[in-house]
Amino acid sequence: MSSAGSSLQARNTRTDSLEDLLMLRFGVRVDAPGEIMRDFQTARQVDRKALPLTYRYYLSDATFVAGLEGPEELLTALDGHLRSPEFPLYLGRRSCPPSRPVALGVSDM
């Protein structure tokens, strides 16, 4: 395995270098633009005096396909991590998990 793939396999903290990801090219196709969803949120402060009110906006029922181009070892390692993530995947909020698998595989076009 190349250094790109092996360094990704060894990565396990948020402070590890992401330098090997700079080799990737990225593109996105919009299959369904979805609708904007507004979510009202409150947050409890430590002193419990005030509850800040905020609105967050999300896309509902949107479908995108993202493609990566780069070294095969790196793409295979990324595909494996998406198929067997260390933590649950979510899209924007933990209450918004993907409805389908997020990895479509690695191919040589």
Protein backbone atom coordinates (compact mmCIF):
# COMPACT_ATOMS: atom_id res chain seq x y z
CA MET A 1 0.00 0.00 0.00
CA SER A 2 1.27 3.47 -0.80
CA SER A 3 2.04 6.04 1.86
CA ALA A 4 -1.25 7.80 1.03
CA GLY A 5 -3.35 4.73 1.79
CA SER A 6 -1.31 3.64 4.79
CA SER A 7 -1.37 7.09 6.40
CA LEU A 8 -5.16 7.13 6.06
CA GLN A 9 -5.39 3.69 7.67
CA ALA A 10 -3.29 4.90 10.61
CA ARG A 11 -5.28 8.11 11.11
CA ASN A 12 -7.48 8.03 14.17
CA THR A 13 -7.57 11.51 15.68
CA ARG A 14 -8.87 14.86 14.55
CA THR A 15 -5.42 16.37 14.87
CA ASP A 16 -3.73 14.03 12.35
CA SER A 17 -2.49 15.54 9.09
CA LEU A 18 -4.89 15.67 6.16
CA GLU A 19 -2.11 16.35 3.66
CA ASP A 20 -2.70 13.13 1.68
CA LEU A 21 -6.25 14.33 0.92
CA LEU A 22 -4.79 17.24 -1.09
CA MET A 23 -4.10 14.74 -3.89
CA LEU A 24 -7.84 14.28 -4.49
CA ARG A 25 -10.05 15.96 -7.09
CA PHE A 26 -13.70 16.36 -6.12
CA GLY A 27 -16.93 16.89 -8.02
CA VAL A 28 -20.64 16.88 -7.11
CA ARG A 29 -23.75 16.16 -9.15
CA VAL A 30 -27.18 17.32 -7.89
CA ASP A 31 -29.81 14.69 -8.64
CA ALA A 32 -32.57 16.26 -6.50
CA PRO A 33 -32.16 19.78 -5.07
CA GLY A 34 -34.51 19.11 -2.12
CA GLU A 35 -36.30 21.70 -0.04
CA ILE A 36 -34.99 24.04 2.63
CA MET A 37 -36.08 23.02 6.12
CA ARG A 38 -36.00 25.53 9.00
CA ASP A 39 -35.28 24.15 12.46
CA PHE A 40 -35.89 26.18 15.62
CA GLN A 41 -33.30 25.56 18.36
CA THR A 42 -32.70 26.65 21.91
CA ALA A 43 -29.53 26.22 23.93
CA ARG A 44 -29.12 26.17 27.68
CA GLN A 45 -26.37 28.44 29.01
CA VAL A 46 -24.23 27.50 31.99
CA ASP A 47 -25.75 30.25 34.17
CA ARG A 48 -29.28 29.16 33.05
CA LYS A 49 -30.32 32.82 32.71
CA ALA A 50 -31.18 32.97 29.05
CA LEU A 51 -32.01 30.55 26.29
CA PRO A 52 -30.57 31.79 23.02
CA LEU A 53 -32.97 31.15 20.18
CA THR A 54 -31.63 30.29 16.77
CA TYR A 55 -32.84 29.03 13.45
CA ARG A 56 -30.84 26.48 11.51
CA TYR A 57 -31.51 25.64 7.88
CA TYR A 58 -31.09 22.23 6.25
CA LEU A 59 -31.88 20.57 2.95
CA SER A 60 -34.62 17.95 3.13
CA ASP A 61 -35.00 15.17 0.53
CA ALA A 62 -31.97 16.29 -1.47
CA THR A 63 -29.86 13.80 -3.41
CA PHE A 64 -26.24 14.39 -4.41
CA VAL A 65 -23.55 12.21 -5.92
CA ALA A 66 -19.97 13.14 -5.06
CA GLY A 67 -17.00 11.76 -6.95
CA LEU A 68 -13.36 11.65 -5.98
CA GLU A 69 -10.36 11.17 -8.24
CA GLY A 70 -6.97 10.23 -6.88
CA PRO A 71 -4.59 7.39 -6.03
CA GLU A 72 -6.40 4.03 -5.98
CA GLU A 73 -4.99 3.09 -2.56
CA LEU A 74 -6.32 6.29 -1.03
CA LEU A 75 -9.73 5.93 -2.68
CA THR A 76 -10.02 2.31 -1.53
CA ALA A 77 -9.14 3.31 2.03
CA LEU A 78 -11.72 6.14 2.00
CA ASP A 79 -14.36 3.76 0.60
CA GLY A 80 -13.65 1.31 3.41
CA HIS A 81 -14.00 4.02 6.05
CA LEU A 82 -17.33 5.16 4.59
CA ARG A 83 -18.64 1.57 4.54
CA SER A 84 -17.49 0.84 8.12
CA PRO A 85 -17.28 4.19 9.92
CA GLU A 86 -15.87 4.44 13.42
CA PHE A 87 -18.79 6.70 14.39
CA PRO A 88 -22.33 6.90 12.97
CA LEU A 89 -22.59 9.09 9.86
CA TYR A 90 -25.08 11.96 9.79
CA LEU A 91 -25.86 14.78 7.42
CA GLY A 92 -25.86 18.11 9.25
CA ARG A 93 -27.45 16.83 12.48
CA ARG A 94 -27.27 13.56 14.32
CA SER A 95 -30.99 13.18 13.82
CA CYS A 96 -30.44 13.21 10.03
CA PRO A 97 -28.69 9.94 9.15
CA PRO A 98 -28.26 9.06 5.48
CA SER A 99 -31.21 7.06 4.13
CA ARG A 100 -28.96 4.97 1.85
CA PRO A 101 -25.32 3.84 1.91
CA VAL A 102 -23.04 6.78 1.18
CA ALA A 103 -20.32 4.78 -0.60
CA LEU A 104 -20.92 3.63 -4.17
CA GLY A 105 -17.54 1.93 -4.54
CA VAL A 106 -14.26 2.50 -6.35
CA SER A 107 -13.96 2.16 -10.11
CA ASP A 108 -11.34 2.88 -12.75
CA MET A 109 -12.99 5.06 -15.39
